[in-house]
Amino acid sequence: MRTVIAGGHGKIALRLERLLAGRGDEVVGLVRDPEQSADLRATGATPVVCDLESARLAEVTGHLEDADTAVFAAGAGPGSGAARKETVDRAAAVLFADAAEHAGVRRLVVVSAMGADEEPPPGTDAVFATYLRAKGAADAAVRARTGLDWTILRPGRLTDDAGTGRVQLAERTGRGEVTRDDVAAVLAGLLDEPRTAGRTLELIGGDTPVSDAVAGCVRE
């Protein structure tokens, strides 16, 4: 299986690349900074320099050609301002989904955020509120793509603790923490299970093995 990952140098993406490459898959990670390439190669992935904030549709489509699956795991990141929430968390996600559809890559998994479908409550930090709205708008655009078998994953608060291999995965989980290791494991499981397409799922730590949690979200 050949998978293209947007945001290839992110903490979750690097873990996912290592998992997929370790089982023999072909993995391509899109990165903005060429100096990040060595970190991707260390996971077994092939780095491709592509700035999704400035790239044209044809360029991104070209990177996705011949892929079996695609993952959007890019984000403006902590410390970035409201403008980059719009250009990365919304516009880049929409561009990547458009490119996947143009390239004929039906299976797309998107890493989103809890609360993205709701208006941020009063008192929410202005930049964080912009981030949530950007994620919500991107998710809505992905859901509208009839040429994609999409799944949207919304993890809880991320930690760098060692993964447990046990999670709670459902349309509604409530707030909680989840390790980046376990998020990567769930992403790999979702890529392998296209019958989870058309679902928006929340993810936190829990008691269910990852494989069982993914199987429990299959559409009948």
C-alpha atoms as a PDB file:
ATOM      1  CA  MET A   1       0.000   0.000   0.000  1.00  0.00           C
ATOM      2  CA  ARG A   2       1.262   3.468  -0.890  1.00  0.00           C
ATOM      3  CA  THR A   3       0.231   6.257   1.481  1.00  0.00           C
ATOM      4  CA  VAL A   4       0.891   9.985   1.123  1.00  0.00           C
ATOM      5  CA  ILE A   5       0.857  11.966   4.376  1.00  0.00           C
ATOM      6  CA  ALA A   6       0.459  15.744   4.480  1.00  0.00           C
ATOM      7  CA  GLY A   7       2.297  17.290   7.406  1.00  0.00           C
ATOM      8  CA  GLY A   8       4.874  14.532   7.242  1.00  0.00           C
ATOM      9  CA  HIS A   9       7.118  15.960   9.959  1.00  0.00           C
ATOM     10  CA  GLY A  10       4.406  16.275  12.598  1.00  0.00           C
ATOM     11  CA  LYS A  11       4.668  14.255  15.782  1.00  0.00           C
ATOM     12  CA  ILE A  12       1.757  11.997  14.850  1.00  0.00           C
ATOM     13  CA  ALA A  13       2.841  11.732  11.211  1.00  0.00           C
ATOM     14  CA  LEU A  14       6.366  10.583  12.099  1.00  0.00           C
ATOM     15  CA  ARG A  15       4.918   7.847  14.283  1.00  0.00           C
ATOM     16  CA  LEU A  16       2.500   6.795  11.552  1.00  0.00           C
ATOM     17  CA  GLU A  17       5.261   6.749   8.949  1.00  0.00           C
ATOM     18  CA  ARG A  18       7.340   4.466  11.138  1.00  0.00           C
ATOM     19  CA  LEU A  19       4.390   2.116  11.650  1.00  0.00           C
ATOM     20  CA  LEU A  20       3.467   1.920   7.970  1.00  0.00           C
ATOM     21  CA  ALA A  21       7.024   1.632   6.671  1.00  0.00           C
ATOM     22  CA  GLY A  22       7.808  -0.953   9.344  1.00  0.00           C
ATOM     23  CA  ARG A  23       5.155  -3.288   7.981  1.00  0.00           C
ATOM     24  CA  GLY A  24       6.411  -2.880   4.423  1.00  0.00           C
ATOM     25  CA  ASP A  25       4.172  -0.128   3.044  1.00  0.00           C
ATOM     26  CA  GLU A  26       5.449   2.609   0.758  1.00  0.00           C
ATOM     27  CA  VAL A  27       5.114   5.926   2.581  1.00  0.00           C
ATOM     28  CA  VAL A  28       5.548   9.455   1.257  1.00  0.00           C
ATOM     29  CA  GLY A  29       5.567  12.437   3.608  1.00  0.00           C
ATOM     30  CA  LEU A  30       4.984  15.972   2.371  1.00  0.00           C
ATOM     31  CA  VAL A  31       7.123  18.535   4.221  1.00  0.00           C
ATOM     32  CA  ARG A  32       7.550  22.282   3.897  1.00  0.00           C
ATOM     33  CA  ASP A  33      11.161  22.439   5.074  1.00  0.00           C
ATOM     34  CA  PRO A  34      13.756  20.357   3.184  1.00  0.00           C
ATOM     35  CA  GLU A  35      15.843  20.168   6.369  1.00  0.00           C
ATOM     36  CA  GLN A  36      13.157  17.866   7.805  1.00  0.00           C
ATOM     37  CA  SER A  37      13.798  15.248   5.146  1.00  0.00           C
ATOM     38  CA  ALA A  38      16.363  13.277   7.157  1.00  0.00           C
ATOM     39  CA  ASP A  39      13.876  12.733   9.985  1.00  0.00           C
ATOM     40  CA  LEU A  40      11.391  11.213   7.535  1.00  0.00           C
ATOM     41  CA  ARG A  41      14.011   8.959   5.981  1.00  0.00           C
ATOM     42  CA  ALA A  42      14.848   7.700   9.460  1.00  0.00           C
ATOM     43  CA  THR A  43      11.273   6.400   9.765  1.00  0.00           C
ATOM     44  CA  GLY A  44      11.458   4.639   6.405  1.00  0.00           C
ATOM     45  CA  ALA A  45       9.357   7.250   4.595  1.00  0.00           C
ATOM     46  CA  THR A  46      10.246   9.145   1.426  1.00  0.00           C
ATOM     47  CA  PRO A  47      10.196  12.925   1.934  1.00  0.00           C
ATOM     48  CA  VAL A  48       8.753  15.230  -0.717  1.00  0.00           C
ATOM     49  CA  VAL A  49       9.100  18.989  -0.328  1.00  0.00           C
ATOM     50  CA  CYS A  50       5.715  20.623  -0.886  1.00  0.00           C
ATOM     51  CA  ASP A  51       4.469  23.757   0.857  1.00  0.00           C
ATOM     52  CA  LEU A  52       0.711  23.303   1.009  1.00  0.00           C
ATOM     53  CA  GLU A  53       0.268  27.004   1.804  1.00  0.00           C
ATOM     54  CA  SER A  54       1.593  28.020  -1.624  1.00  0.00           C
ATOM     55  CA  ALA A  55       1.295  24.902  -3.798  1.00  0.00           C
ATOM     56  CA  ARG A  56      -1.118  24.732  -6.704  1.00  0.00           C
ATOM     57  CA  LEU A  57      -3.659  21.959  -7.115  1.00  0.00           C
ATOM     58  CA  ALA A  58      -1.776  20.356 -10.015  1.00  0.00           C
ATOM     59  CA  GLU A  59       1.409  20.066  -7.939  1.00  0.00           C
ATOM     60  CA  VAL A  60      -0.289  18.386  -5.002  1.00  0.00           C
ATOM     61  CA  THR A  61      -2.280  16.136  -7.327  1.00  0.00           C
ATOM     62  CA  GLY A  62       0.976  14.989  -8.883  1.00  0.00           C
ATOM     63  CA  HIS A  63       2.353  13.955  -5.500  1.00  0.00           C
ATOM     64  CA  LEU A  64      -0.777  11.888  -4.844  1.00  0.00           C
ATOM     65  CA  GLU A  65      -0.829  10.012  -8.131  1.00  0.00           C
ATOM     66  CA  ASP A  66      -0.526   6.228  -7.721  1.00  0.00           C
ATOM     67  CA  ALA A  67      -1.269   6.460  -3.986  1.00  0.00           C
ATOM     68  CA  ASP A  68      -3.722   4.002  -2.447  1.00  0.00           C
ATOM     69  CA  THR A  69      -4.491   6.095   0.625  1.00  0.00           C
ATOM     70  CA  ALA A  70      -3.858   9.610   1.918  1.00  0.00           C
ATOM     71  CA  VAL A  71      -3.680  11.189   5.369  1.00  0.00           C
ATOM     72  CA  PHE A  72      -4.001  14.871   6.223  1.00  0.00           C
ATOM     73  CA  ALA A  73      -2.034  15.376   9.432  1.00  0.00           C
ATOM     74  CA  ALA A  74      -0.769  18.905   8.833  1.00  0.00           C
ATOM     75  CA  GLY A  75      -1.381  21.804  11.186  1.00  0.00           C
ATOM     76  CA  ALA A  76      -0.136  25.320  11.774  1.00  0.00           C
ATOM     77  CA  GLY A  77       0.996  24.217  15.220  1.00  0.00           C
ATOM     78  CA  PRO A  78       1.170  25.915  18.604  1.00  0.00           C
ATOM     79  CA  GLY A  79       2.438  29.459  18.580  1.00  0.00           C
ATOM     80  CA  SER A  80       1.098  30.230  15.121  1.00  0.00           C
ATOM     81  CA  GLY A  81      -1.360  33.057  14.647  1.00  0.00           C
ATOM     82  CA  ALA A  82      -4.918  33.096  13.398  1.00  0.00           C
ATOM     83  CA  ALA A  83      -3.878  33.675   9.784  1.00  0.00           C
ATOM     84  CA  ARG A  84      -2.004  30.368   9.586  1.00  0.00           C
ATOM     85  CA  LYS A  85      -4.910  28.499  11.152  1.00  0.00           C
ATOM     86  CA  GLU A  86      -6.810  29.589   8.065  1.00  0.00           C
ATOM     87  CA  THR A  87      -4.082  28.868   5.517  1.00  0.00           C
ATOM     88  CA  VAL A  88      -3.006  25.496   6.952  1.00  0.00           C
ATOM     89  CA  ASP A  89      -5.780  24.008   9.061  1.00  0.00           C
ATOM     90  CA  ARG A  90      -8.504  24.968   6.594  1.00  0.00           C
ATOM     91  CA  ALA A  91      -7.156  25.871   3.154  1.00  0.00           C
ATOM     92  CA  ALA A  92      -4.381  23.265   3.022  1.00  0.00           C
ATOM     93  CA  ALA A  93      -6.775  20.540   4.159  1.00  0.00           C
ATOM     94  CA  VAL A  94      -9.251  21.482   1.431  1.00  0.00           C
ATOM     95  CA  LEU A  95      -6.463  21.616  -1.172  1.00  0.00           C
ATOM     96  CA  PHE A  96      -5.224  18.161  -0.147  1.00  0.00           C
ATOM     97  CA  ALA A  97      -8.735  16.703  -0.337  1.00  0.00           C
ATOM     98  CA  ASP A  98      -9.244  18.281  -3.773  1.00  0.00           C
ATOM     99  CA  ALA A  99      -5.917  16.851  -4.939  1.00  0.00           C
ATOM    100  CA  ALA A 100      -6.751  13.384  -3.636  1.00  0.00           C
ATOM    101  CA  GLU A 101     -10.027  13.459  -5.524  1.00  0.00           C
ATOM    102  CA  HIS A 102      -8.324  14.649  -8.726  1.00  0.00           C
ATOM    103  CA  ALA A 103      -5.653  11.957  -8.389  1.00  0.00           C
ATOM    104  CA  GLY A 104      -8.261   9.242  -7.914  1.00  0.00           C
ATOM    105  CA  VAL A 105      -7.221   8.445  -4.342  1.00  0.00           C
ATOM    106  CA  ARG A 106     -10.524   7.545  -2.743  1.00  0.00           C
ATOM    107  CA  ARG A 107      -9.349   6.701   0.796  1.00  0.00           C
ATOM    108  CA  LEU A 108      -8.610   9.817   2.861  1.00  0.00           C
ATOM    109  CA  VAL A 109      -8.206  10.025   6.626  1.00  0.00           C
ATOM    110  CA  VAL A 110      -8.105  13.495   8.204  1.00  0.00           C
ATOM    111  CA  VAL A 111      -6.750  14.369  11.645  1.00  0.00           C
ATOM    112  CA  SER A 112      -9.082  17.030  13.023  1.00  0.00           C
ATOM    113  CA  ALA A 113      -9.965  18.330  16.492  1.00  0.00           C
ATOM    114  CA  MET A 114     -12.659  17.795  19.076  1.00  0.00           C
ATOM    115  CA  GLY A 115     -15.277  20.522  19.109  1.00  0.00           C
ATOM    116  CA  ALA A 116     -14.702  21.489  15.476  1.00  0.00           C
ATOM    117  CA  ASP A 117     -18.411  21.241  14.648  1.00  0.00           C
ATOM    118  CA  GLU A 118     -19.456  23.566  17.456  1.00  0.00           C
ATOM    119  CA  GLU A 119     -19.185  27.309  17.864  1.00  0.00           C
ATOM    120  CA  PRO A 120     -16.426  27.955  20.430  1.00  0.00           C
ATOM    121  CA  PRO A 121     -17.916  28.960  23.780  1.00  0.00           C
ATOM    122  CA  PRO A 122     -17.645  32.549  25.031  1.00  0.00           C
ATOM    123  CA  GLY A 123     -14.247  33.270  26.520  1.00  0.00           C
ATOM    124  CA  THR A 124     -12.350  30.910  24.204  1.00  0.00           C
ATOM    125  CA  ASP A 125      -8.946  32.232  23.236  1.00  0.00           C
ATOM    126  CA  ALA A 126      -9.367  34.038  19.909  1.00  0.00           C
ATOM    127  CA  VAL A 127      -6.642  32.121  18.064  1.00  0.00           C
ATOM    128  CA  PHE A 128      -7.881  28.775  19.364  1.00  0.00           C
ATOM    129  CA  ALA A 129     -11.413  29.690  18.325  1.00  0.00           C
ATOM    130  CA  THR A 130     -10.123  30.441  14.828  1.00  0.00           C
ATOM    131  CA  TYR A 131      -8.378  27.070  14.829  1.00  0.00           C
ATOM    132  CA  LEU A 132     -11.571  25.215  15.734  1.00  0.00           C
ATOM    133  CA  ARG A 133     -13.582  27.074  13.091  1.00  0.00           C
ATOM    134  CA  ALA A 134     -10.888  26.342  10.497  1.00  0.00           C
ATOM    135  CA  LYS A 135     -10.943  22.637  11.355  1.00  0.00           C
ATOM    136  CA  GLY A 136     -14.732  22.602  11.217  1.00  0.00           C
ATOM    137  CA  ALA A 137     -14.781  24.274   7.809  1.00  0.00           C
ATOM    138  CA  ALA A 138     -12.168  21.862   6.472  1.00  0.00           C
ATOM    139  CA  ASP A 139     -14.096  18.860   7.773  1.00  0.00           C
ATOM    140  CA  ALA A 140     -17.286  20.126   6.142  1.00  0.00           C
ATOM    141  CA  ALA A 141     -15.459  20.513   2.834  1.00  0.00           C
ATOM    142  CA  VAL A 142     -14.092  16.970   3.069  1.00  0.00           C
ATOM    143  CA  ARG A 143     -17.531  15.563   3.856  1.00  0.00           C
ATOM    144  CA  ALA A 144     -18.885  17.233   0.713  1.00  0.00           C
ATOM    145  CA  ARG A 145     -16.444  15.356  -1.559  1.00  0.00           C
ATOM    146  CA  THR A 146     -18.421  12.576  -3.224  1.00  0.00           C
ATOM    147  CA  GLY A 147     -15.274  11.166  -4.812  1.00  0.00           C
ATOM    148  CA  LEU A 148     -13.654  10.368  -1.468  1.00  0.00           C
ATOM    149  CA  ASP A 149     -14.076   7.586   1.078  1.00  0.00           C
ATOM    150  CA  TRP A 150     -13.201   9.839   3.991  1.00  0.00           C
ATOM    151  CA  THR A 151     -12.874   9.281   7.713  1.00  0.00           C
ATOM    152  CA  ILE A 152     -12.317  12.192  10.089  1.00  0.00           C
ATOM    153  CA  LEU A 153     -10.490  11.458  13.345  1.00  0.00           C
ATOM    154  CA  ARG A 154     -10.735  13.865  16.285  1.00  0.00           C
ATOM    155  CA  PRO A 155      -8.283  13.007  19.068  1.00  0.00           C
ATOM    156  CA  GLY A 156      -8.497  14.329  22.596  1.00  0.00           C
ATOM    157  CA  ARG A 157      -5.652  16.148  24.323  1.00  0.00           C
ATOM    158  CA  LEU A 158      -2.422  14.722  22.950  1.00  0.00           C
ATOM    159  CA  THR A 159       0.414  13.435  25.101  1.00  0.00           C
ATOM    160  CA  ASP A 160       3.863  12.037  24.371  1.00  0.00           C
ATOM    161  CA  ASP A 161       3.480   9.175  26.857  1.00  0.00           C
ATOM    162  CA  ALA A 162       4.119   5.664  25.587  1.00  0.00           C
ATOM    163  CA  GLY A 163       1.134   4.214  23.807  1.00  0.00           C
ATOM    164  CA  THR A 164      -1.012   1.663  25.589  1.00  0.00           C
ATOM    165  CA  GLY A 165      -2.602   0.116  22.503  1.00  0.00           C
ATOM    166  CA  ARG A 166      -5.996   0.600  24.144  1.00  0.00           C
ATOM    167  CA  VAL A 167      -8.394   3.404  23.260  1.00  0.00           C
ATOM    168  CA  GLN A 168     -11.967   4.605  23.131  1.00  0.00           C
ATOM    169  CA  LEU A 169     -13.080   5.351  19.560  1.00  0.00           C
ATOM    170  CA  ALA A 170     -16.646   6.463  18.827  1.00  0.00           C
ATOM    171  CA  GLU A 171     -18.713   9.286  17.385  1.00  0.00           C
ATOM    172  CA  ARG A 172     -18.803  10.779  20.881  1.00  0.00           C
ATOM    173  CA  THR A 173     -16.289   9.870  23.587  1.00  0.00           C
ATOM    174  CA  GLY A 174     -16.259  12.931  25.824  1.00  0.00           C
ATOM    175  CA  ARG A 175     -13.067  14.785  26.613  1.00  0.00           C
ATOM    176  CA  GLY A 176      -9.904  12.989  27.597  1.00  0.00           C
ATOM    177  CA  GLU A 177      -6.259  12.397  26.799  1.00  0.00           C
ATOM    178  CA  VAL A 178      -4.722  10.108  24.204  1.00  0.00           C
ATOM    179  CA  THR A 179      -1.108   9.362  23.369  1.00  0.00           C
ATOM    180  CA  ARG A 180       0.283  10.249  19.978  1.00  0.00           C
ATOM    181  CA  ASP A 181       1.457   6.638  19.692  1.00  0.00           C
ATOM    182  CA  ASP A 182      -2.122   5.453  19.982  1.00  0.00           C
ATOM    183  CA  VAL A 183      -3.401   8.068  17.533  1.00  0.00           C
ATOM    184  CA  ALA A 184      -0.897   6.806  14.959  1.00  0.00           C
ATOM    185  CA  ALA A 185      -1.963   3.214  15.587  1.00  0.00           C
ATOM    186  CA  VAL A 186      -5.619   4.130  15.100  1.00  0.00           C
ATOM    187  CA  LEU A 187      -4.813   6.003  11.887  1.00  0.00           C
ATOM    188  CA  ALA A 188      -3.072   2.912  10.523  1.00  0.00           C
ATOM    189  CA  GLY A 189      -6.081   0.832  11.482  1.00  0.00           C
ATOM    190  CA  LEU A 190      -8.494   3.231   9.796  1.00  0.00           C
ATOM    191  CA  LEU A 191      -6.457   3.190   6.593  1.00  0.00           C
ATOM    192  CA  ASP A 192      -6.797  -0.594   6.562  1.00  0.00           C
ATOM    193  CA  GLU A 193     -10.554  -0.514   7.164  1.00  0.00           C
ATOM    194  CA  PRO A 194     -12.363   1.374   4.389  1.00  0.00           C
ATOM    195  CA  ARG A 195     -15.704   0.381   5.919  1.00  0.00           C
ATOM    196  CA  THR A 196     -15.137   3.188   8.436  1.00  0.00           C
ATOM    197  CA  ALA A 197     -15.571   5.677   5.565  1.00  0.00           C
ATOM    198  CA  GLY A 198     -18.141   8.398   6.054  1.00  0.00           C
ATOM    199  CA  ARG A 199     -17.643   8.563   9.802  1.00  0.00           C
ATOM    200  CA  THR A 200     -16.385  11.332  12.083  1.00  0.00           C
ATOM    201  CA  LEU A 201     -14.836   9.714  15.155  1.00  0.00           C
ATOM    202  CA  GLU A 202     -13.512  10.986  18.466  1.00  0.00           C
ATOM    203  CA  LEU A 203     -10.557   9.263  20.124  1.00  0.00           C
ATOM    204  CA  ILE A 204      -9.305   9.149  23.706  1.00  0.00           C
ATOM    205  CA  GLY A 205      -7.444   6.635  25.813  1.00  0.00           C
ATOM    206  CA  GLY A 206      -9.520   3.682  26.918  1.00  0.00           C
ATOM    207  CA  ASP A 207      -9.700  -0.058  27.506  1.00  0.00           C
ATOM    208  CA  THR A 208     -10.369  -1.419  24.004  1.00  0.00           C
ATOM    209  CA  PRO A 209      -7.500  -2.740  21.865  1.00  0.00           C
ATOM    210  CA  VAL A 210      -6.958  -0.559  18.807  1.00  0.00           C
ATOM    211  CA  SER A 211      -7.908  -3.273  16.317  1.00  0.00           C
ATOM    212  CA  ASP A 212     -11.162  -3.976  18.153  1.00  0.00           C
ATOM    213  CA  ALA A 213     -11.928  -0.261  18.481  1.00  0.00           C
ATOM    214  CA  VAL A 214     -11.542   0.254  14.732  1.00  0.00           C
ATOM    215  CA  ALA A 215     -13.598  -2.856  13.967  1.00  0.00           C
ATOM    216  CA  GLY A 216     -16.336  -1.510  16.231  1.00  0.00           C
ATOM    217  CA  CYS A 217     -16.659   1.578  14.023  1.00  0.00           C
ATOM    218  CA  VAL A 218     -17.279  -0.318  10.785  1.00  0.00           C
ATOM    219  CA  ARG A 219     -20.434   0.681   8.959  1.00  0.00           C
ATOM    220  CA  GLU A 220     -22.764  -2.280   8.501  1.00  0.00           C
END
